[in-house]
N, C-alpha and C. Protein backbone atom coordinates (compact mmCIF):
# COMPACT_ATOMS: atom_id res chain seq x y z
N MET A 1 0.85 -1.17 0.00
CA MET A 1 0.00 0.00 0.00
C MET A 1 0.90 1.24 0.00
N LYS A 2 0.66 2.15 -0.92
CA LYS A 2 1.46 3.37 -1.02
C LYS A 2 0.89 4.44 -0.10
N ILE A 3 1.82 5.05 0.66
CA ILE A 3 1.45 6.12 1.58
C ILE A 3 2.45 7.26 1.45
N ILE A 4 2.07 8.42 1.99
CA ILE A 4 2.97 9.56 2.08
C ILE A 4 3.00 9.98 3.55
N LEU A 5 4.19 10.07 4.10
CA LEU A 5 4.33 10.42 5.51
C LEU A 5 4.04 11.91 5.72
N LYS A 6 3.27 12.20 6.76
CA LYS A 6 2.95 13.59 7.11
C LYS A 6 3.98 14.18 8.06
N GLU A 7 4.74 13.31 8.72
CA GLU A 7 5.80 13.75 9.63
C GLU A 7 6.87 12.67 9.69
N ASP A 8 8.00 12.99 10.31
CA ASP A 8 9.09 12.03 10.45
C ASP A 8 8.65 10.88 11.35
N VAL A 9 8.89 9.65 10.90
CA VAL A 9 8.58 8.46 11.69
C VAL A 9 9.88 7.68 11.84
N GLU A 10 10.26 7.45 13.10
CA GLU A 10 11.51 6.77 13.39
C GLU A 10 11.51 5.37 12.77
N ASN A 11 12.62 5.00 12.19
CA ASN A 11 12.84 3.70 11.54
C ASN A 11 11.95 3.48 10.32
N LEU A 12 11.33 4.54 9.79
CA LEU A 12 10.51 4.38 8.60
C LEU A 12 10.87 5.40 7.53
N GLY A 13 10.84 6.68 7.86
CA GLY A 13 11.16 7.69 6.86
C GLY A 13 10.92 9.09 7.37
N PHE A 14 11.09 10.06 6.46
CA PHE A 14 10.95 11.46 6.80
C PHE A 14 9.68 12.03 6.20
N GLN A 15 9.33 13.24 6.63
CA GLN A 15 8.12 13.90 6.16
C GLN A 15 8.12 13.99 4.63
N TYR A 16 6.98 13.73 4.02
CA TYR A 16 6.73 13.76 2.58
C TYR A 16 7.40 12.63 1.81
N ASP A 17 7.95 11.63 2.49
CA ASP A 17 8.47 10.45 1.80
C ASP A 17 7.31 9.62 1.28
N GLU A 18 7.47 9.11 0.07
CA GLU A 18 6.46 8.22 -0.51
C GLU A 18 6.95 6.79 -0.31
N LEU A 19 6.19 6.01 0.46
CA LEU A 19 6.63 4.67 0.83
C LEU A 19 5.59 3.62 0.47
N ASP A 20 6.07 2.39 0.38
CA ASP A 20 5.19 1.24 0.17
C ASP A 20 5.27 0.39 1.44
N VAL A 21 4.17 0.32 2.20
CA VAL A 21 4.15 -0.44 3.45
C VAL A 21 3.04 -1.48 3.41
N LYS A 22 3.06 -2.37 4.38
CA LYS A 22 2.01 -3.39 4.46
C LYS A 22 0.68 -2.72 4.78
N PRO A 23 -0.41 -3.22 4.17
CA PRO A 23 -1.72 -2.58 4.36
C PRO A 23 -2.17 -2.48 5.82
N GLY A 24 -1.91 -3.51 6.61
CA GLY A 24 -2.31 -3.49 8.01
C GLY A 24 -1.59 -2.41 8.79
N TYR A 25 -0.31 -2.24 8.53
CA TYR A 25 0.50 -1.22 9.21
C TYR A 25 -0.02 0.17 8.87
N ALA A 26 -0.37 0.37 7.60
CA ALA A 26 -0.88 1.66 7.17
C ALA A 26 -2.27 1.93 7.76
N ARG A 27 -3.18 0.96 7.61
CA ARG A 27 -4.57 1.14 8.03
C ARG A 27 -4.75 1.19 9.55
N ASN A 28 -3.99 0.39 10.27
CA ASN A 28 -4.20 0.28 11.71
C ASN A 28 -3.31 1.18 12.55
N TYR A 29 -2.20 1.66 11.99
CA TYR A 29 -1.30 2.46 12.80
C TYR A 29 -1.00 3.83 12.19
N LEU A 30 -0.40 3.85 10.99
CA LEU A 30 0.09 5.11 10.43
C LEU A 30 -1.02 6.11 10.12
N ILE A 31 -2.06 5.67 9.45
CA ILE A 31 -3.14 6.59 9.05
C ILE A 31 -3.97 7.04 10.26
N PRO A 32 -4.43 6.13 11.14
CA PRO A 32 -5.22 6.59 12.30
C PRO A 32 -4.45 7.53 13.24
N LYS A 33 -3.16 7.31 13.39
CA LYS A 33 -2.36 8.16 14.29
C LYS A 33 -1.99 9.49 13.63
N GLY A 34 -2.28 9.64 12.34
CA GLY A 34 -1.98 10.89 11.65
C GLY A 34 -0.56 10.99 11.13
N TYR A 35 0.15 9.87 11.09
CA TYR A 35 1.52 9.89 10.60
C TYR A 35 1.59 9.85 9.07
N ALA A 36 0.53 9.37 8.41
CA ALA A 36 0.58 9.19 6.96
C ALA A 36 -0.81 9.36 6.35
N VAL A 37 -0.82 9.54 5.02
CA VAL A 37 -2.06 9.55 4.23
C VAL A 37 -1.86 8.63 3.04
N LEU A 38 -2.97 8.17 2.48
CA LEU A 38 -2.88 7.34 1.28
C LEU A 38 -2.29 8.15 0.14
N ALA A 39 -1.49 7.51 -0.68
CA ALA A 39 -0.82 8.19 -1.80
C ALA A 39 -1.75 8.22 -3.01
N LEU A 40 -2.69 9.14 -2.99
CA LEU A 40 -3.60 9.34 -4.11
C LEU A 40 -2.94 10.31 -5.10
N PRO A 41 -3.33 10.26 -6.38
CA PRO A 41 -2.67 11.11 -7.40
C PRO A 41 -2.63 12.60 -7.05
N GLY A 42 -3.72 13.15 -6.53
CA GLY A 42 -3.75 14.57 -6.17
C GLY A 42 -2.80 14.89 -5.04
N ILE A 43 -2.73 14.01 -4.07
CA ILE A 43 -1.86 14.22 -2.91
C ILE A 43 -0.39 14.12 -3.34
N ILE A 44 -0.10 13.17 -4.23
CA ILE A 44 1.27 13.01 -4.73
C ILE A 44 1.72 14.28 -5.45
N LYS A 45 0.83 14.84 -6.28
CA LYS A 45 1.15 16.05 -7.03
C LYS A 45 1.42 17.23 -6.08
N SER A 46 0.55 17.41 -5.09
CA SER A 46 0.74 18.53 -4.15
C SER A 46 2.00 18.33 -3.32
N THR A 47 2.33 17.08 -3.01
CA THR A 47 3.55 16.80 -2.25
C THR A 47 4.79 17.18 -3.05
N HIS A 48 4.78 16.88 -4.34
CA HIS A 48 5.92 17.24 -5.20
C HIS A 48 6.09 18.77 -5.28
N GLU A 49 4.97 19.50 -5.32
CA GLU A 49 5.04 20.96 -5.34
C GLU A 49 5.61 21.50 -4.03
N ILE A 50 5.17 20.92 -2.92
CA ILE A 50 5.68 21.33 -1.61
C ILE A 50 7.18 21.09 -1.54
N LEU A 51 7.63 19.94 -2.04
CA LEU A 51 9.06 19.61 -2.00
C LEU A 51 9.89 20.57 -2.86
N LYS A 52 9.34 21.01 -4.01
CA LYS A 52 10.05 21.97 -4.86
C LYS A 52 10.22 23.30 -4.12
N GLN A 53 9.13 23.78 -3.50
CA GLN A 53 9.19 25.03 -2.76
C GLN A 53 10.15 24.91 -1.58
N ARG A 54 10.10 23.77 -0.91
CA ARG A 54 10.96 23.56 0.25
C ARG A 54 12.43 23.54 -0.15
N SER A 55 12.76 22.98 -1.31
CA SER A 55 14.16 22.91 -1.72
C SER A 55 14.72 24.31 -1.97
N LYS A 56 13.88 25.23 -2.48
CA LYS A 56 14.32 26.61 -2.68
C LYS A 56 14.60 27.28 -1.33
N LYS A 57 13.67 27.10 -0.40
CA LYS A 57 13.84 27.68 0.94
C LYS A 57 15.03 27.04 1.64
N GLU A 58 15.18 25.75 1.44
CA GLU A 58 16.26 24.99 2.09
C GLU A 58 17.62 25.54 1.69
N SER A 59 17.82 25.81 0.41
CA SER A 59 19.12 26.32 -0.04
C SER A 59 19.40 27.70 0.56
N PHE A 60 18.36 28.53 0.68
CA PHE A 60 18.52 29.85 1.32
C PHE A 60 18.90 29.69 2.79
N LEU A 61 18.23 28.77 3.49
CA LEU A 61 18.51 28.56 4.91
C LEU A 61 19.90 27.99 5.14
N ILE A 62 20.36 27.13 4.24
CA ILE A 62 21.71 26.58 4.36
C ILE A 62 22.75 27.69 4.21
N GLU A 63 22.55 28.58 3.25
CA GLU A 63 23.48 29.71 3.07
C GLU A 63 23.49 30.61 4.30
N LYS A 64 22.31 30.87 4.83
CA LYS A 64 22.21 31.71 6.02
C LYS A 64 22.92 31.06 7.21
N SER A 65 22.77 29.74 7.34
CA SER A 65 23.42 29.04 8.45
C SER A 65 24.94 29.05 8.28
N LYS A 66 25.43 29.00 7.04
CA LYS A 66 26.88 29.08 6.79
C LYS A 66 27.42 30.44 7.22
N ASP A 67 26.65 31.50 6.92
CA ASP A 67 27.07 32.85 7.32
C ASP A 67 27.16 32.97 8.84
N ILE A 68 26.16 32.45 9.53
CA ILE A 68 26.15 32.51 10.99
C ILE A 68 27.31 31.69 11.55
N GLU A 69 27.58 30.54 10.93
CA GLU A 69 28.69 29.69 11.39
C GLU A 69 30.03 30.42 11.25
N GLU A 70 30.21 31.15 10.15
CA GLU A 70 31.45 31.92 9.97
C GLU A 70 31.60 32.98 11.05
N LYS A 71 30.50 33.65 11.39
CA LYS A 71 30.55 34.66 12.45
C LYS A 71 30.90 34.01 13.79
N LEU A 72 30.32 32.83 14.05
CA LEU A 72 30.57 32.14 15.32
C LEU A 72 32.01 31.67 15.43
N LYS A 73 32.61 31.27 14.31
CA LYS A 73 34.01 30.81 14.33
C LYS A 73 34.96 31.94 14.72
N LYS A 74 34.61 33.17 14.36
CA LYS A 74 35.46 34.32 14.65
C LYS A 74 35.32 34.79 16.10
N LEU A 75 34.26 34.37 16.77
CA LEU A 75 33.99 34.84 18.13
C LEU A 75 34.79 34.10 19.19
N THR A 76 35.22 34.83 20.19
CA THR A 76 35.71 34.20 21.41
C THR A 76 34.82 34.74 22.52
N ILE A 77 34.14 33.85 23.18
CA ILE A 77 33.18 34.27 24.19
C ILE A 77 33.75 34.03 25.58
N LYS A 78 33.86 35.11 26.32
CA LYS A 78 34.30 35.05 27.71
C LYS A 78 33.23 35.75 28.52
N ILE A 79 32.71 35.05 29.51
CA ILE A 79 31.60 35.58 30.29
C ILE A 79 32.09 35.90 31.71
N PRO A 80 32.15 37.20 32.05
CA PRO A 80 32.54 37.56 33.42
C PRO A 80 31.34 37.44 34.35
N VAL A 81 31.55 36.82 35.51
CA VAL A 81 30.47 36.64 36.47
C VAL A 81 30.97 36.87 37.89
N LYS A 82 30.04 37.16 38.79
CA LYS A 82 30.39 37.29 40.20
C LYS A 82 30.48 35.89 40.79
N VAL A 83 31.54 35.66 41.57
CA VAL A 83 31.81 34.32 42.08
C VAL A 83 32.05 34.38 43.59
N SER A 84 31.59 33.33 44.29
CA SER A 84 31.86 33.23 45.73
C SER A 84 33.28 32.72 45.95
N LYS A 85 33.68 32.63 47.21
CA LYS A 85 35.04 32.17 47.53
C LYS A 85 35.28 30.73 47.07
N GLY A 86 34.26 29.91 47.03
CA GLY A 86 34.40 28.51 46.63
C GLY A 86 34.42 28.31 45.12
N GLY A 87 34.31 29.38 44.35
CA GLY A 87 34.32 29.25 42.89
C GLY A 87 32.94 29.04 42.30
N LYS A 88 31.89 29.15 43.13
CA LYS A 88 30.53 29.00 42.62
C LYS A 88 29.98 30.35 42.18
N LEU A 89 29.16 30.31 41.16
CA LEU A 89 28.58 31.53 40.62
C LEU A 89 27.43 32.02 41.48
N PHE A 90 27.27 33.34 41.53
CA PHE A 90 26.04 33.92 42.07
C PHE A 90 25.07 33.93 40.90
N GLY A 91 24.17 33.00 40.86
CA GLY A 91 23.29 32.83 39.72
C GLY A 91 23.77 31.64 38.91
N SER A 92 23.41 31.60 37.62
CA SER A 92 23.83 30.48 36.77
C SER A 92 23.83 30.92 35.32
N ILE A 93 24.42 30.08 34.48
CA ILE A 93 24.45 30.34 33.05
C ILE A 93 23.73 29.20 32.35
N ASN A 94 22.72 29.55 31.56
CA ASN A 94 21.96 28.54 30.82
C ASN A 94 21.85 28.99 29.36
N ASN A 95 21.04 28.28 28.58
CA ASN A 95 20.92 28.60 27.16
C ASN A 95 20.35 30.00 26.92
N GLN A 96 19.48 30.47 27.81
CA GLN A 96 18.93 31.81 27.64
C GLN A 96 20.01 32.88 27.86
N TYR A 97 20.87 32.66 28.82
CA TYR A 97 21.97 33.59 29.09
C TYR A 97 22.92 33.63 27.88
N LEU A 98 23.22 32.45 27.32
CA LEU A 98 24.08 32.40 26.13
C LEU A 98 23.43 33.11 24.96
N MET A 99 22.10 32.99 24.83
CA MET A 99 21.39 33.68 23.76
C MET A 99 21.57 35.19 23.89
N LYS A 100 21.48 35.71 25.12
CA LYS A 100 21.66 37.15 25.34
C LYS A 100 23.08 37.59 24.98
N VAL A 101 24.07 36.78 25.36
CA VAL A 101 25.47 37.09 25.04
C VAL A 101 25.67 37.13 23.53
N LEU A 102 25.12 36.15 22.82
CA LEU A 102 25.25 36.12 21.35
C LEU A 102 24.52 37.29 20.71
N ASN A 103 23.36 37.67 21.25
CA ASN A 103 22.63 38.82 20.71
C ASN A 103 23.44 40.10 20.87
N GLU A 104 24.15 40.23 21.99
CA GLU A 104 25.00 41.40 22.20
C GLU A 104 26.15 41.45 21.18
N LYS A 105 26.58 40.28 20.72
CA LYS A 105 27.66 40.19 19.73
C LYS A 105 27.14 40.33 18.30
N GLY A 106 25.80 40.47 18.15
CA GLY A 106 25.22 40.67 16.83
C GLY A 106 24.76 39.40 16.14
N ILE A 107 24.65 38.29 16.88
CA ILE A 107 24.20 37.04 16.29
C ILE A 107 22.87 36.66 16.94
N SER A 108 21.84 36.59 16.13
CA SER A 108 20.50 36.30 16.65
C SER A 108 20.19 34.81 16.51
N ILE A 109 20.17 34.12 17.66
CA ILE A 109 19.84 32.70 17.69
C ILE A 109 18.85 32.48 18.82
N ASP A 110 17.78 31.76 18.54
CA ASP A 110 16.77 31.47 19.56
C ASP A 110 17.33 30.51 20.60
N LYS A 111 16.88 30.65 21.84
CA LYS A 111 17.42 29.83 22.93
C LYS A 111 17.13 28.35 22.76
N LYS A 112 16.06 28.00 22.04
CA LYS A 112 15.74 26.58 21.88
C LYS A 112 16.72 25.85 20.96
N PHE A 113 17.54 26.61 20.22
CA PHE A 113 18.54 26.00 19.36
C PHE A 113 19.91 25.90 20.02
N ILE A 114 20.02 26.39 21.25
CA ILE A 114 21.28 26.33 22.00
C ILE A 114 21.15 25.25 23.05
N ARG A 115 22.10 24.32 23.04
CA ARG A 115 22.05 23.21 23.99
C ARG A 115 23.38 23.05 24.70
N ILE A 116 23.33 23.10 26.02
CA ILE A 116 24.50 22.81 26.82
C ILE A 116 24.44 21.31 27.10
N PRO A 117 25.52 20.56 26.82
CA PRO A 117 25.48 19.10 26.98
C PRO A 117 24.93 18.67 28.34
N GLY A 118 24.03 17.70 28.30
CA GLY A 118 23.43 17.19 29.53
C GLY A 118 22.31 18.08 30.04
N ASN A 119 21.89 19.07 29.24
CA ASN A 119 20.87 20.03 29.66
C ASN A 119 21.17 20.61 31.04
N LYS A 120 22.45 20.84 31.29
CA LYS A 120 22.81 21.31 32.62
C LYS A 120 22.93 22.82 32.66
N ILE A 121 22.90 23.32 33.88
CA ILE A 121 23.06 24.74 34.13
C ILE A 121 24.45 24.92 34.71
N ILE A 122 25.18 25.90 34.20
CA ILE A 122 26.56 26.11 34.64
C ILE A 122 26.57 26.96 35.91
N LYS A 123 27.22 26.43 36.95
CA LYS A 123 27.27 27.12 38.23
C LYS A 123 28.69 27.30 38.76
N THR A 124 29.70 26.92 37.96
CA THR A 124 31.09 27.10 38.37
C THR A 124 31.88 27.73 37.23
N ILE A 125 33.03 28.33 37.57
CA ILE A 125 33.86 28.92 36.52
C ILE A 125 34.60 27.81 35.77
N GLY A 126 34.98 28.09 34.53
CA GLY A 126 35.70 27.12 33.73
C GLY A 126 35.40 27.28 32.25
N LYS A 127 35.90 26.33 31.46
CA LYS A 127 35.67 26.33 30.02
C LYS A 127 34.58 25.32 29.70
N TYR A 128 33.66 25.71 28.82
CA TYR A 128 32.51 24.88 28.50
C TYR A 128 32.25 24.89 27.00
N GLN A 129 31.36 23.99 26.59
CA GLN A 129 30.92 23.93 25.20
C GLN A 129 29.40 23.91 25.16
N ALA A 130 28.87 24.47 24.10
CA ALA A 130 27.44 24.41 23.85
C ALA A 130 27.26 24.10 22.38
N SER A 131 26.26 23.29 22.05
CA SER A 131 26.02 23.01 20.64
C SER A 131 24.86 23.89 20.18
N ILE A 132 25.05 24.49 19.01
CA ILE A 132 24.05 25.38 18.44
C ILE A 132 23.57 24.77 17.14
N ARG A 133 22.27 24.52 17.06
CA ARG A 133 21.70 23.96 15.84
C ARG A 133 21.35 25.12 14.91
N LEU A 134 22.11 25.24 13.83
CA LEU A 134 21.92 26.33 12.88
C LEU A 134 20.88 25.97 11.83
N HIS A 135 20.75 24.69 11.56
CA HIS A 135 19.87 24.18 10.52
C HIS A 135 19.62 22.72 10.82
N ARG A 136 18.65 22.11 10.16
CA ARG A 136 18.39 20.69 10.40
C ARG A 136 19.64 19.85 10.19
N LYS A 137 20.47 20.24 9.25
CA LYS A 137 21.65 19.44 8.90
C LYS A 137 22.96 20.05 9.39
N ARG A 138 22.91 21.20 10.04
CA ARG A 138 24.14 21.88 10.48
C ARG A 138 24.08 22.17 11.97
N GLU A 139 25.17 21.80 12.64
CA GLU A 139 25.30 22.08 14.06
C GLU A 139 26.70 22.62 14.30
N PHE A 140 26.82 23.54 15.24
CA PHE A 140 28.09 24.17 15.55
C PHE A 140 28.38 24.03 17.03
N THR A 141 29.62 23.70 17.38
CA THR A 141 30.01 23.60 18.78
C THR A 141 30.69 24.90 19.18
N LEU A 142 30.08 25.59 20.12
CA LEU A 142 30.57 26.87 20.59
C LEU A 142 31.36 26.67 21.88
N ASN A 143 32.60 27.14 21.89
CA ASN A 143 33.43 27.09 23.09
C ASN A 143 33.34 28.44 23.79
N PHE A 144 33.15 28.41 25.10
CA PHE A 144 33.11 29.65 25.85
C PHE A 144 33.71 29.44 27.24
N GLU A 145 34.09 30.56 27.83
CA GLU A 145 34.75 30.49 29.13
C GLU A 145 33.99 31.36 30.12
N VAL A 146 33.80 30.83 31.32
CA VAL A 146 33.17 31.57 32.40
C VAL A 146 34.28 31.88 33.41
N PHE A 147 34.47 33.18 33.71
CA PHE A 147 35.54 33.55 34.64
C PHE A 147 35.05 34.59 35.64
N SER A 148 35.81 34.74 36.70
CA SER A 148 35.46 35.66 37.78
C SER A 148 35.70 37.10 37.34
N SER A 149 34.73 37.96 37.59
CA SER A 149 34.86 39.37 37.20
C SER A 149 35.58 40.19 38.26
N SER A 150 35.76 39.62 39.45
CA SER A 150 36.42 40.39 40.51
C SER A 150 37.84 39.95 40.74
């Protein structure tokens, strides 16, 4: 049975993929859950048009992500913070704080695309890394340092 996926399905395919699956799997799981639709001629045609439009947008987004990556490579980020005697921060540094620092440097990235490994909050001074998702296919590892301002 031919179907078209409406969203990414793990171990099966990506959104707008045209697949041939067993009828029971399509009828009892994929279609009722909203993961897929039957591959009718009209739907196939509209899917191809969507993919053409998406490829144009995709190339623009890839170029934009390359530009942002070049800017990020040139940056050295050092974050001065107030620290107690034990080396602990007064407050913490998370993805939102990093977003503000990047915005001050002229790079606009939403906080949901910034990930500190382990989803942790930084509470001590030192050198750290954060991964920034620039595009579905592009990710950048940002190195930054947290140091005492006093």
